């Protein structure tokens, strides 16, 4: 087995988070194959269900704290009573509350023995699309300060960790630059909508292209 690591591309944030590892002639004992031979896609989908489902239960705690910091930043910068900013803050607050209720529902289902399935796509779609909007609002509140990124980066690409008031907005800027990636990794928003429509709501599947003729 000869693993090789490729060079990674830089993202808009300046980070390089993506790498590719190639394995040649990899062999695995039959007893160690999870889910059976040629059943890897089903195993991957089950794994993603757990990943998305867990985030739905715990993510709202993070987003509530992040919103509190956003509100304080707006107050510190004297824009909290601006009609447009205030309306956007109200929208974000309502979304965070809804995410909290969904998280409680998911946690209750887990405790009752429910295994995550396609319904985990609801939480993934909700938080990732929300995070684009709330970080864009943070840039509006920062104004010209958002144009110059200098200072420490956020501890993770998932969210900011400071108020970004009048001293160090860098965590908010870094989070904004990474927010759109949340609508792509672990299944893009388009894929989540397909899962919800086809596997939860029972809507007709998208038409498949005809098989190529020989």
N, C-alpha and C. Protein backbone atom coordinates (compact mmCIF):
# COMPACT_ATOMS: atom_id res chain seq x y z
N UNK A 1 0.86 -1.18 0.00
CA UNK A 1 0.00 0.00 0.00
C UNK A 1 0.90 1.23 0.00
N UNK A 2 0.65 2.12 -0.93
CA UNK A 2 1.50 3.30 -1.08
C UNK A 2 0.66 4.57 -1.00
N UNK A 3 0.47 5.12 0.21
CA UNK A 3 -0.30 6.37 0.31
C UNK A 3 0.53 7.54 -0.18
N UNK A 4 -0.14 8.48 -0.84
CA UNK A 4 0.54 9.69 -1.29
C UNK A 4 -0.33 10.89 -1.00
N UNK A 5 0.27 11.99 -0.59
CA UNK A 5 -0.47 13.19 -0.22
C UNK A 5 -0.27 14.25 -1.29
N UNK A 6 -1.38 14.76 -1.82
CA UNK A 6 -1.27 15.80 -2.84
C UNK A 6 -1.19 17.17 -2.19
N UNK A 7 -0.78 18.16 -2.96
CA UNK A 7 -0.78 19.52 -2.45
C UNK A 7 -2.21 20.01 -2.35
N UNK A 8 -2.48 20.91 -1.41
CA UNK A 8 -3.83 21.40 -1.19
C UNK A 8 -3.95 22.83 -1.70
N UNK A 9 -5.14 23.18 -2.13
CA UNK A 9 -5.39 24.52 -2.65
C UNK A 9 -5.79 25.45 -1.51
N UNK A 10 -5.49 26.72 -1.67
CA UNK A 10 -5.88 27.71 -0.68
C UNK A 10 -7.31 28.16 -0.91
N UNK A 11 -8.03 28.39 0.19
CA UNK A 11 -9.39 28.88 0.13
C UNK A 11 -9.38 30.40 0.23
N UNK A 12 -10.56 31.01 0.13
CA UNK A 12 -10.67 32.46 0.19
C UNK A 12 -10.17 33.02 1.52
N UNK A 13 -10.24 32.21 2.56
CA UNK A 13 -9.76 32.64 3.88
C UNK A 13 -8.25 32.60 4.00
N UNK A 14 -7.58 32.00 3.02
CA UNK A 14 -6.14 31.83 3.09
C UNK A 14 -5.71 30.51 3.68
N UNK A 15 -6.66 29.74 4.23
CA UNK A 15 -6.35 28.44 4.81
C UNK A 15 -6.24 27.38 3.72
N UNK A 16 -5.58 26.30 4.05
CA UNK A 16 -5.51 25.13 3.17
C UNK A 16 -5.99 23.92 3.96
N UNK A 17 -7.27 23.61 3.84
CA UNK A 17 -7.86 22.56 4.66
C UNK A 17 -8.05 21.25 3.90
N UNK A 18 -7.92 21.29 2.58
CA UNK A 18 -8.28 20.11 1.80
C UNK A 18 -7.03 19.40 1.28
N UNK A 19 -7.02 18.10 1.44
CA UNK A 19 -5.95 17.26 0.91
C UNK A 19 -6.58 16.00 0.33
N UNK A 20 -5.83 15.35 -0.50
CA UNK A 20 -6.28 14.07 -1.06
C UNK A 20 -5.23 13.02 -0.73
N UNK A 21 -5.68 11.88 -0.28
CA UNK A 21 -4.79 10.76 0.00
C UNK A 21 -5.19 9.61 -0.91
N UNK A 22 -4.24 9.09 -1.65
CA UNK A 22 -4.52 8.00 -2.58
C UNK A 22 -3.87 6.72 -2.04
N UNK A 23 -4.65 5.65 -2.02
CA UNK A 23 -4.15 4.35 -1.59
C UNK A 23 -4.15 3.41 -2.80
N UNK A 24 -3.01 2.79 -3.04
CA UNK A 24 -2.87 1.87 -4.16
C UNK A 24 -2.81 0.43 -3.65
N UNK A 25 -3.65 -0.42 -4.22
CA UNK A 25 -3.66 -1.85 -3.87
C UNK A 25 -3.90 -2.07 -2.39
N UNK A 26 -4.78 -1.28 -1.80
CA UNK A 26 -5.10 -1.46 -0.39
C UNK A 26 -5.88 -2.75 -0.18
N UNK A 27 -5.57 -3.48 0.86
CA UNK A 27 -6.25 -4.74 1.17
C UNK A 27 -6.73 -4.69 2.61
N UNK A 28 -7.93 -5.20 2.83
CA UNK A 28 -8.54 -5.21 4.15
C UNK A 28 -9.04 -6.62 4.44
N UNK A 29 -8.77 -7.14 5.64
CA UNK A 29 -9.32 -8.46 5.98
C UNK A 29 -10.84 -8.47 5.87
N UNK A 30 -11.37 -9.57 5.40
CA UNK A 30 -12.80 -9.67 5.15
C UNK A 30 -13.62 -9.34 6.40
N UNK A 31 -13.16 -9.74 7.56
CA UNK A 31 -13.90 -9.51 8.80
C UNK A 31 -13.94 -8.05 9.19
N UNK A 32 -13.07 -7.22 8.62
CA UNK A 32 -13.01 -5.80 8.96
C UNK A 32 -13.78 -4.91 8.00
N UNK A 33 -14.42 -5.49 7.02
CA UNK A 33 -15.22 -4.71 6.08
C UNK A 33 -16.54 -4.34 6.74
N UNK A 34 -16.82 -3.06 6.83
CA UNK A 34 -18.04 -2.59 7.49
C UNK A 34 -19.19 -2.53 6.48
N UNK A 35 -20.28 -3.20 6.82
CA UNK A 35 -21.45 -3.14 5.95
C UNK A 35 -21.44 -4.07 4.78
N UNK A 36 -20.38 -4.81 4.60
CA UNK A 36 -20.32 -5.74 3.49
C UNK A 36 -19.61 -5.15 2.28
N UNK A 37 -19.10 -6.04 1.43
CA UNK A 37 -18.39 -5.61 0.22
C UNK A 37 -19.35 -4.90 -0.72
N UNK A 38 -18.87 -3.83 -1.34
CA UNK A 38 -19.65 -3.03 -2.31
C UNK A 38 -20.87 -2.36 -1.68
N UNK A 39 -20.83 -2.16 -0.37
CA UNK A 39 -21.94 -1.48 0.30
C UNK A 39 -21.45 -0.21 1.00
N UNK A 40 -20.35 0.35 0.50
CA UNK A 40 -19.75 1.51 1.15
C UNK A 40 -20.62 2.75 1.12
N UNK A 41 -21.41 2.91 0.05
CA UNK A 41 -22.25 4.11 -0.04
C UNK A 41 -23.28 4.15 1.09
N UNK A 42 -23.90 3.01 1.37
CA UNK A 42 -24.89 2.96 2.45
C UNK A 42 -24.23 3.25 3.79
N UNK A 43 -23.01 2.74 4.00
CA UNK A 43 -22.29 3.00 5.24
C UNK A 43 -21.97 4.49 5.36
N UNK A 44 -21.53 5.09 4.25
CA UNK A 44 -21.22 6.53 4.27
C UNK A 44 -22.46 7.36 4.57
N UNK A 45 -23.59 6.99 4.02
CA UNK A 45 -24.83 7.73 4.27
C UNK A 45 -25.26 7.62 5.73
N UNK A 46 -25.07 6.43 6.32
CA UNK A 46 -25.39 6.27 7.74
C UNK A 46 -24.48 7.14 8.60
N UNK A 47 -23.20 7.19 8.24
CA UNK A 47 -22.25 8.02 8.99
C UNK A 47 -22.63 9.49 8.90
N UNK A 48 -22.99 9.95 7.70
CA UNK A 48 -23.39 11.35 7.53
C UNK A 48 -24.67 11.66 8.31
N UNK A 49 -25.56 10.68 8.40
CA UNK A 49 -26.77 10.88 9.18
C UNK A 49 -26.45 11.18 10.64
N UNK A 50 -25.49 10.44 11.20
CA UNK A 50 -25.08 10.69 12.58
C UNK A 50 -24.40 12.04 12.71
N UNK A 51 -23.55 12.38 11.75
CA UNK A 51 -22.85 13.66 11.80
C UNK A 51 -23.85 14.82 11.76
N UNK A 52 -24.78 14.78 10.81
CA UNK A 52 -25.76 15.87 10.69
C UNK A 52 -26.71 15.89 11.88
N UNK A 53 -27.11 14.71 12.35
CA UNK A 53 -28.06 14.64 13.45
C UNK A 53 -27.49 15.17 14.75
N UNK A 54 -26.23 14.85 15.02
CA UNK A 54 -25.59 15.34 16.24
C UNK A 54 -25.51 16.86 16.23
N UNK A 55 -25.19 17.43 15.06
CA UNK A 55 -25.08 18.89 14.96
C UNK A 55 -26.41 19.57 15.22
N UNK A 56 -27.50 18.93 14.81
CA UNK A 56 -28.83 19.51 15.04
C UNK A 56 -29.13 19.59 16.53
N UNK A 57 -28.59 18.66 17.32
CA UNK A 57 -28.87 18.64 18.75
C UNK A 57 -27.98 19.59 19.53
N UNK A 58 -26.74 19.77 19.09
CA UNK A 58 -25.78 20.57 19.85
C UNK A 58 -25.50 21.94 19.24
N UNK A 59 -25.67 22.07 17.93
CA UNK A 59 -25.38 23.31 17.24
C UNK A 59 -26.12 24.53 17.78
N UNK A 60 -27.42 24.40 18.10
CA UNK A 60 -28.15 25.58 18.60
C UNK A 60 -27.52 26.23 19.82
N UNK A 61 -26.84 25.46 20.66
CA UNK A 61 -26.17 26.04 21.82
C UNK A 61 -25.09 27.00 21.35
N UNK A 62 -24.33 26.57 20.37
CA UNK A 62 -23.28 27.42 19.80
C UNK A 62 -23.88 28.67 19.16
N UNK A 63 -24.92 28.49 18.36
CA UNK A 63 -25.49 29.62 17.62
C UNK A 63 -26.15 30.64 18.55
N UNK A 64 -26.70 30.19 19.66
CA UNK A 64 -27.26 31.14 20.62
C UNK A 64 -26.17 32.02 21.21
N UNK A 65 -25.04 31.42 21.56
CA UNK A 65 -23.92 32.19 22.08
C UNK A 65 -23.36 33.14 21.03
N UNK A 66 -23.27 32.67 19.80
CA UNK A 66 -22.76 33.51 18.72
C UNK A 66 -23.69 34.69 18.46
N UNK A 67 -25.01 34.45 18.49
CA UNK A 67 -25.95 35.55 18.28
C UNK A 67 -25.85 36.59 19.40
N UNK A 68 -25.65 36.13 20.62
CA UNK A 68 -25.50 37.08 21.73
C UNK A 68 -24.30 37.98 21.51
N UNK A 69 -23.21 37.42 20.98
CA UNK A 69 -22.03 38.23 20.69
C UNK A 69 -22.30 39.19 19.53
N UNK A 70 -23.06 38.74 18.56
CA UNK A 70 -23.42 39.61 17.43
C UNK A 70 -24.26 40.79 17.90
N UNK A 71 -25.22 40.53 18.75
CA UNK A 71 -26.08 41.60 19.28
C UNK A 71 -25.26 42.60 20.08
N UNK A 72 -24.33 42.10 20.88
CA UNK A 72 -23.47 43.01 21.66
C UNK A 72 -22.60 43.85 20.73
N UNK A 73 -22.11 43.25 19.66
CA UNK A 73 -21.30 44.00 18.72
C UNK A 73 -22.12 45.13 18.10
N UNK A 74 -23.37 44.85 17.74
CA UNK A 74 -24.24 45.88 17.17
C UNK A 74 -24.49 47.00 18.17
N UNK A 75 -24.69 46.62 19.42
CA UNK A 75 -24.91 47.63 20.46
C UNK A 75 -23.65 48.46 20.69
N UNK A 76 -22.50 47.81 20.76
CA UNK A 76 -21.24 48.52 21.00
C UNK A 76 -20.94 49.49 19.86
N UNK A 77 -21.34 49.15 18.66
CA UNK A 77 -21.05 49.99 17.51
C UNK A 77 -22.18 50.98 17.21
N UNK A 78 -23.19 50.98 18.05
CA UNK A 78 -24.26 51.97 17.93
C UNK A 78 -25.20 51.79 16.76
N UNK A 79 -25.33 50.56 16.25
CA UNK A 79 -26.21 50.33 15.10
C UNK A 79 -27.39 49.41 15.42
N UNK A 80 -27.53 49.01 16.68
CA UNK A 80 -28.58 48.06 17.03
C UNK A 80 -29.98 48.60 16.78
N UNK A 81 -30.14 49.92 16.81
CA UNK A 81 -31.46 50.52 16.59
C UNK A 81 -31.67 50.97 15.15
N UNK A 82 -30.69 50.74 14.29
CA UNK A 82 -30.90 51.01 12.87
C UNK A 82 -32.01 50.09 12.37
N UNK A 83 -33.02 50.62 11.66
CA UNK A 83 -34.18 49.79 11.28
C UNK A 83 -33.80 48.54 10.48
N UNK A 84 -32.88 48.68 9.55
CA UNK A 84 -32.50 47.54 8.72
C UNK A 84 -31.74 46.51 9.55
N UNK A 85 -30.76 46.97 10.32
CA UNK A 85 -29.98 46.06 11.16
C UNK A 85 -30.89 45.39 12.19
N UNK A 86 -31.78 46.16 12.79
CA UNK A 86 -32.68 45.60 13.81
C UNK A 86 -33.56 44.51 13.22
N UNK A 87 -34.06 44.73 11.98
CA UNK A 87 -34.91 43.72 11.34
C UNK A 87 -34.12 42.44 11.07
N UNK A 88 -32.87 42.59 10.63
CA UNK A 88 -32.04 41.41 10.36
C UNK A 88 -31.69 40.68 11.66
N UNK A 89 -31.44 41.44 12.71
CA UNK A 89 -31.17 40.81 14.00
C UNK A 89 -32.38 40.01 14.49
N UNK A 90 -33.57 40.57 14.28
CA UNK A 90 -34.80 39.86 14.69
C UNK A 90 -34.95 38.57 13.90
N UNK A 91 -34.64 38.63 12.60
CA UNK A 91 -34.71 37.42 11.76
C UNK A 91 -33.76 36.35 12.28
N UNK A 92 -32.53 36.76 12.59
CA UNK A 92 -31.54 35.80 13.09
C UNK A 92 -31.97 35.21 14.43
N UNK A 93 -32.52 36.05 15.28
CA UNK A 93 -32.97 35.57 16.59
C UNK A 93 -34.05 34.50 16.42
N UNK A 94 -35.00 34.75 15.51
CA UNK A 94 -36.08 33.78 15.31
C UNK A 94 -35.53 32.46 14.78
N UNK A 95 -34.55 32.52 13.87
CA UNK A 95 -33.99 31.29 13.32
C UNK A 95 -33.24 30.50 14.39
N UNK A 96 -32.52 31.20 15.26
CA UNK A 96 -31.80 30.52 16.33
C UNK A 96 -32.77 29.82 17.28
N UNK A 97 -33.89 30.48 17.59
CA UNK A 97 -34.89 29.86 18.46
C UNK A 97 -35.48 28.62 17.82
N UNK A 98 -35.77 28.69 16.52
CA UNK A 98 -36.32 27.53 15.81
C UNK A 98 -35.32 26.38 15.81
N UNK A 99 -34.04 26.71 15.59
CA UNK A 99 -33.01 25.67 15.64
C UNK A 99 -32.95 25.03 17.02
N UNK A 100 -33.15 25.82 18.06
CA UNK A 100 -33.15 25.28 19.41
C UNK A 100 -34.28 24.28 19.62
N UNK A 101 -35.47 24.61 19.12
CA UNK A 101 -36.61 23.69 19.24
C UNK A 101 -36.37 22.41 18.45
N UNK A 102 -35.79 22.56 17.25
CA UNK A 102 -35.48 21.37 16.46
C UNK A 102 -34.44 20.51 17.18
N UNK A 103 -33.44 21.15 17.79
CA UNK A 103 -32.43 20.41 18.53
C UNK A 103 -33.02 19.63 19.69
N UNK A 104 -33.97 20.21 20.41
CA UNK A 104 -34.63 19.51 21.50
C UNK A 104 -35.40 18.30 20.97
N UNK A 105 -36.03 18.47 19.82
CA UNK A 105 -36.78 17.35 19.21
C UNK A 105 -35.83 16.23 18.82
N UNK A 106 -34.69 16.58 18.22
CA UNK A 106 -33.72 15.57 17.81
C UNK A 106 -33.17 14.85 19.03
N UNK A 107 -32.83 15.58 20.08
CA UNK A 107 -32.29 14.96 21.29
C UNK A 107 -33.32 14.02 21.92
N UNK A 108 -34.58 14.44 21.95
CA UNK A 108 -35.63 13.58 22.50
C UNK A 108 -35.76 12.29 21.70
N UNK A 109 -35.65 12.40 20.38
CA UNK A 109 -35.72 11.20 19.53
C UNK A 109 -34.55 10.27 19.80
N UNK A 110 -33.34 10.84 19.95
CA UNK A 110 -32.18 10.01 20.24
C UNK A 110 -32.36 9.24 21.54
N UNK A 111 -32.85 9.95 22.56
CA UNK A 111 -33.04 9.31 23.86
C UNK A 111 -34.09 8.21 23.81
N UNK A 112 -34.99 8.33 22.84
CA UNK A 112 -36.03 7.31 22.66
C UNK A 112 -35.58 6.17 21.77
N UNK A 113 -34.32 6.20 21.33
CA UNK A 113 -33.79 5.11 20.52
C UNK A 113 -33.85 5.31 19.03
N UNK A 114 -34.22 6.50 18.59
CA UNK A 114 -34.30 6.77 17.15
C UNK A 114 -32.91 6.92 16.57
N UNK A 115 -32.64 6.23 15.49
CA UNK A 115 -31.36 6.36 14.80
C UNK A 115 -31.49 7.42 13.71
N UNK A 116 -30.49 8.28 13.58
CA UNK A 116 -30.59 9.34 12.57
C UNK A 116 -30.69 8.77 11.17
N UNK A 117 -31.49 9.41 10.37
CA UNK A 117 -31.69 9.00 8.99
C UNK A 117 -31.75 10.22 8.10
N UNK A 118 -32.59 10.17 7.08
CA UNK A 118 -32.68 11.31 6.16
C UNK A 118 -33.18 12.59 6.82
N UNK A 119 -33.89 12.46 7.96
CA UNK A 119 -34.39 13.66 8.64
C UNK A 119 -33.26 14.54 9.17
N UNK A 120 -32.04 13.97 9.29
CA UNK A 120 -30.90 14.77 9.74
C UNK A 120 -30.57 15.87 8.73
N UNK A 121 -31.03 15.73 7.50
CA UNK A 121 -30.77 16.75 6.48
C UNK A 121 -31.46 18.06 6.82
N UNK A 122 -32.53 18.02 7.60
CA UNK A 122 -33.26 19.25 7.94
C UNK A 122 -32.38 20.18 8.74
N UNK A 123 -31.74 19.65 9.79
CA UNK A 123 -30.88 20.48 10.62
C UNK A 123 -29.68 21.00 9.86
N UNK A 124 -29.07 20.14 9.03
CA UNK A 124 -27.89 20.56 8.26
C UNK A 124 -28.25 21.72 7.33
N UNK A 125 -29.36 21.60 6.63
CA UNK A 125 -29.79 22.66 5.72
C UNK A 125 -30.09 23.94 6.49
N UNK A 126 -30.74 23.80 7.63
CA UNK A 126 -31.16 24.98 8.38
C UNK A 126 -29.97 25.77 8.91
N UNK A 127 -29.03 25.10 9.59
CA UNK A 127 -27.96 25.87 10.21
C UNK A 127 -26.97 26.42 9.19
N UNK A 128 -26.70 25.67 8.12
CA UNK A 128 -25.70 26.13 7.17
C UNK A 128 -26.19 27.34 6.37
N UNK A 129 -27.47 27.33 5.99
CA UNK A 129 -28.01 28.48 5.27
C UNK A 129 -28.13 29.69 6.20
N UNK A 130 -28.48 29.44 7.45
CA UNK A 130 -28.56 30.52 8.43
C UNK A 130 -27.20 31.17 8.64
N UNK A 131 -26.15 30.35 8.70
CA UNK A 131 -24.84 30.89 9.04
C UNK A 131 -24.30 31.81 7.95
N UNK A 132 -24.69 31.60 6.72
CA UNK A 132 -24.33 32.54 5.67
C UNK A 132 -24.90 33.93 5.97
N UNK A 133 -26.18 33.94 6.36
CA UNK A 133 -26.88 35.21 6.57
C UNK A 133 -26.34 35.94 7.80
N UNK A 134 -26.14 35.22 8.90
CA UNK A 134 -25.73 35.89 10.13
C UNK A 134 -24.31 36.43 10.02
N UNK A 135 -23.43 35.75 9.29
CA UNK A 135 -22.08 36.28 9.13
C UNK A 135 -22.05 37.44 8.14
N UNK A 136 -22.94 37.44 7.16
CA UNK A 136 -23.06 38.60 6.29
C UNK A 136 -23.55 39.82 7.08
N UNK A 137 -24.46 39.58 8.01
CA UNK A 137 -24.93 40.66 8.87
C UNK A 137 -23.79 41.18 9.73
N UNK A 138 -22.93 40.30 10.22
CA UNK A 138 -21.78 40.73 11.00
C UNK A 138 -20.89 41.66 10.19
N UNK A 139 -20.73 41.37 8.90
CA UNK A 139 -19.92 42.24 8.05
C UNK A 139 -20.60 43.60 7.87
N UNK A 140 -21.92 43.62 7.76
CA UNK A 140 -22.65 44.89 7.67
C UNK A 140 -22.43 45.73 8.92
N UNK A 141 -22.46 45.07 10.07
CA UNK A 141 -22.28 45.78 11.33
C UNK A 141 -20.85 46.31 11.46
N UNK A 142 -19.88 45.52 11.00
CA UNK A 142 -18.48 45.95 11.08
C UNK A 142 -18.19 47.09 10.12
N UNK A 143 -18.93 47.16 9.03
CA UNK A 143 -18.71 48.23 8.07
C UNK A 143 -17.33 48.17 7.45
N UNK A 144 -16.64 49.31 7.40
CA UNK A 144 -15.33 49.37 6.76
C UNK A 144 -14.30 48.49 7.47
N UNK A 145 -14.52 48.20 8.76
CA UNK A 145 -13.57 47.35 9.48
C UNK A 145 -13.53 45.94 8.91
N UNK A 146 -14.58 45.55 8.20
CA UNK A 146 -14.62 44.20 7.63
C UNK A 146 -13.76 44.06 6.38
N UNK A 147 -13.26 45.18 5.87
CA UNK A 147 -12.47 45.14 4.64
C UNK A 147 -11.01 44.78 4.89
N UNK A 148 -10.59 44.83 6.13
CA UNK A 148 -9.18 44.58 6.43
C UNK A 148 -9.09 43.52 7.51
N UNK A 149 -8.58 42.37 7.11
CA UNK A 149 -8.49 41.24 8.04
C UNK A 149 -7.07 41.18 8.60
N UNK A 150 -6.96 41.48 9.86
CA UNK A 150 -5.66 41.44 10.54
C UNK A 150 -5.89 41.00 11.97
N UNK A 151 -5.10 40.09 12.44
CA UNK A 151 -5.26 39.59 13.80
C UNK A 151 -5.47 38.10 13.80
N UNK A 152 -5.92 37.57 14.91
CA UNK A 152 -6.06 36.13 15.03
C UNK A 152 -7.27 35.62 14.25
N UNK A 153 -7.20 34.38 13.86
CA UNK A 153 -8.30 33.75 13.16
C UNK A 153 -9.23 33.08 14.17
N UNK A 154 -10.47 32.76 13.77
CA UNK A 154 -11.36 32.04 14.69
C UNK A 154 -10.78 30.67 15.01
N UNK A 155 -11.11 30.11 16.18
CA UNK A 155 -10.54 28.83 16.57
C UNK A 155 -10.97 27.69 15.66
N UNK A 156 -12.06 27.86 14.94
CA UNK A 156 -12.51 26.85 13.98
C UNK A 156 -13.25 27.56 12.87
N UNK A 157 -13.45 26.86 11.77
CA UNK A 157 -14.18 27.45 10.65
C UNK A 157 -15.68 27.48 10.92
N UNK A 158 -16.10 26.88 12.04
CA UNK A 158 -17.53 26.74 12.30
C UNK A 158 -18.16 27.99 12.87
N UNK A 159 -17.41 28.82 13.61
CA UNK A 159 -18.06 29.98 14.18
C UNK A 159 -17.10 30.92 14.88
N UNK A 160 -17.55 32.15 15.07
CA UNK A 160 -16.73 33.15 15.75
C UNK A 160 -16.75 32.90 17.26
N UNK A 161 -15.81 33.53 17.95
CA UNK A 161 -15.75 33.32 19.39
C UNK A 161 -15.54 34.62 20.16
N UNK A 162 -15.67 35.79 19.49
CA UNK A 162 -15.53 37.04 20.22
C UNK A 162 -16.58 38.03 19.76
N UNK A 163 -16.66 39.15 20.43
CA UNK A 163 -17.69 40.12 20.12
C UNK A 163 -17.36 40.94 18.89
N UNK A 164 -16.08 41.05 18.56
CA UNK A 164 -15.69 41.86 17.42
C UNK A 164 -16.13 43.31 17.57
N UNK A 165 -16.15 43.78 18.77
CA UNK A 165 -16.71 45.11 19.04
C UNK A 165 -15.88 46.21 18.40
N UNK A 166 -14.99 46.81 19.13
CA UNK A 166 -14.22 47.92 18.59
C UNK A 166 -12.75 47.60 18.46
N UNK A 167 -12.36 46.38 18.85
CA UNK A 167 -10.94 46.11 18.88
C UNK A 167 -10.49 45.05 17.87
N UNK A 168 -11.09 43.87 17.88
CA UNK A 168 -10.58 42.78 17.05
C UNK A 168 -11.73 42.07 16.34
N UNK A 169 -12.08 42.52 15.16
CA UNK A 169 -13.17 41.87 14.42
C UNK A 169 -12.71 40.66 13.62
N UNK A 170 -11.45 40.24 13.76
CA UNK A 170 -10.89 39.24 12.86
C UNK A 170 -11.61 37.90 12.94
N UNK A 171 -12.08 37.53 14.13
CA UNK A 171 -12.77 36.24 14.26
C UNK A 171 -14.05 36.22 13.43
N UNK A 172 -14.78 37.33 13.44
CA UNK A 172 -16.00 37.41 12.64
C UNK A 172 -15.69 37.35 11.15
N UNK A 173 -14.62 38.04 10.73
CA UNK A 173 -14.28 38.06 9.31
C UNK A 173 -13.88 36.66 8.85
N UNK A 174 -13.07 35.97 9.64
CA UNK A 174 -12.68 34.61 9.29
C UNK A 174 -13.86 33.67 9.22
N UNK A 175 -14.81 33.84 10.13
CA UNK A 175 -15.99 33.00 10.11
C UNK A 175 -16.84 33.27 8.88
N UNK A 176 -16.96 34.53 8.52
CA UNK A 176 -17.71 34.91 7.31
C UNK A 176 -17.11 34.25 6.07
N UNK A 177 -15.79 34.26 5.96
CA UNK A 177 -15.14 33.70 4.78
C UNK A 177 -15.33 32.18 4.70
N UNK A 178 -15.56 31.55 5.83
CA UNK A 178 -15.75 30.09 5.85
C UNK A 178 -17.22 29.67 5.83
N UNK A 179 -18.13 30.61 6.03
CA UNK A 179 -19.53 30.24 6.23
C UNK A 179 -20.14 29.56 5.02
N UNK A 180 -19.80 30.03 3.82
CA UNK A 180 -20.40 29.43 2.63
C UNK A 180 -20.00 27.97 2.46
N UNK A 181 -18.82 27.61 2.97
CA UNK A 181 -18.39 26.21 2.88
C UNK A 181 -19.34 25.30 3.64
N UNK A 182 -20.01 25.84 4.67
CA UNK A 182 -20.96 25.02 5.43
C UNK A 182 -22.14 24.54 4.60
N UNK A 183 -22.43 25.24 3.50
CA UNK A 183 -23.52 24.80 2.63
C UNK A 183 -23.04 23.79 1.59
N UNK A 184 -21.78 23.40 1.68
CA UNK A 184 -21.21 22.46 0.71
C UNK A 184 -20.76 21.17 1.39
N UNK A 185 -19.93 21.30 2.47
CA UNK A 185 -19.42 20.07 3.08
C UNK A 185 -20.52 19.30 3.80
N UNK A 186 -20.29 18.00 3.97
CA UNK A 186 -21.28 17.07 4.56
C UNK A 186 -22.56 17.02 3.74
N UNK A 187 -22.47 17.35 2.47
CA UNK A 187 -23.64 17.35 1.59
C UNK A 187 -24.11 18.75 1.34
N UNK A 188 -24.11 19.19 0.09
CA UNK A 188 -24.49 20.57 -0.23
C UNK A 188 -25.97 20.81 0.09
N UNK A 189 -26.34 22.09 0.13
CA UNK A 189 -27.74 22.44 0.41
C UNK A 189 -28.67 21.86 -0.64
N UNK A 190 -28.21 21.79 -1.90
CA UNK A 190 -29.04 21.20 -2.94
C UNK A 190 -29.30 19.72 -2.67
N UNK A 191 -28.26 19.03 -2.20
CA UNK A 191 -28.44 17.61 -1.87
C UNK A 191 -29.38 17.45 -0.67
N UNK A 192 -29.23 18.33 0.33
CA UNK A 192 -30.12 18.23 1.50
C UNK A 192 -31.58 18.44 1.09
N UNK A 193 -31.82 19.37 0.18
CA UNK A 193 -33.20 19.61 -0.27
C UNK A 193 -33.74 18.40 -1.03
N UNK A 194 -32.89 17.76 -1.81
CA UNK A 194 -33.32 16.54 -2.50
C UNK A 194 -33.66 15.44 -1.51
N UNK A 195 -32.82 15.28 -0.48
CA UNK A 195 -33.09 14.25 0.53
C UNK A 195 -34.41 14.51 1.23
N UNK A 196 -34.62 15.76 1.62
CA UNK A 196 -35.87 16.11 2.32
C UNK A 196 -37.07 15.89 1.40
N UNK A 197 -36.96 16.34 0.16
CA UNK A 197 -38.08 16.21 -0.76
C UNK A 197 -38.40 14.77 -1.11
N UNK A 198 -37.38 13.99 -1.43
CA UNK A 198 -37.62 12.64 -1.92
C UNK A 198 -37.81 11.62 -0.80
N UNK A 199 -36.98 11.71 0.27
CA UNK A 199 -36.98 10.65 1.28
C UNK A 199 -37.84 10.97 2.49
N UNK A 200 -38.21 12.24 2.68
CA UNK A 200 -39.05 12.59 3.82
C UNK A 200 -40.46 12.97 3.36
N UNK A 201 -40.54 13.85 2.37
CA UNK A 201 -41.84 14.31 1.89
C UNK A 201 -42.44 13.39 0.83
N UNK A 202 -41.64 12.49 0.29
CA UNK A 202 -42.15 11.54 -0.70
C UNK A 202 -42.41 12.15 -2.06
N UNK A 203 -41.73 13.23 -2.38
CA UNK A 203 -41.91 13.86 -3.69
C UNK A 203 -41.25 13.02 -4.77
N UNK A 204 -41.66 13.17 -6.01
CA UNK A 204 -41.04 12.38 -7.09
C UNK A 204 -39.56 12.67 -7.20
N UNK A 205 -38.80 11.64 -7.51
CA UNK A 205 -37.38 11.81 -7.68
C UNK A 205 -37.10 12.61 -8.95
N UNK A 206 -35.95 13.27 -8.95
CA UNK A 206 -35.55 13.99 -10.14
C UNK A 206 -35.35 13.01 -11.29
N UNK A 207 -35.73 13.40 -12.52
CA UNK A 207 -35.53 12.49 -13.64
C UNK A 207 -34.06 12.21 -13.87
N UNK A 208 -33.75 10.96 -14.13
CA UNK A 208 -32.38 10.55 -14.39
C UNK A 208 -32.13 10.56 -15.90
N UNK A 209 -30.94 10.93 -16.31
CA UNK A 209 -30.63 10.89 -17.75
C UNK A 209 -30.65 9.46 -18.26
N UNK A 210 -31.01 9.27 -19.49
CA UNK A 210 -31.05 7.91 -20.02
C UNK A 210 -29.66 7.30 -20.07
N UNK A 211 -29.61 5.99 -19.94
CA UNK A 211 -28.34 5.30 -19.98
C UNK A 211 -27.73 5.42 -21.37
N UNK A 212 -26.43 5.61 -21.45
CA UNK A 212 -25.79 5.72 -22.76
C UNK A 212 -25.95 4.44 -23.57
N UNK A 213 -26.19 4.59 -24.82
CA UNK A 213 -26.31 3.42 -25.71
C UNK A 213 -24.96 3.06 -26.27
N UNK A 214 -24.79 1.78 -26.45
CA UNK A 214 -23.51 1.31 -26.99
C UNK A 214 -23.50 1.46 -28.50
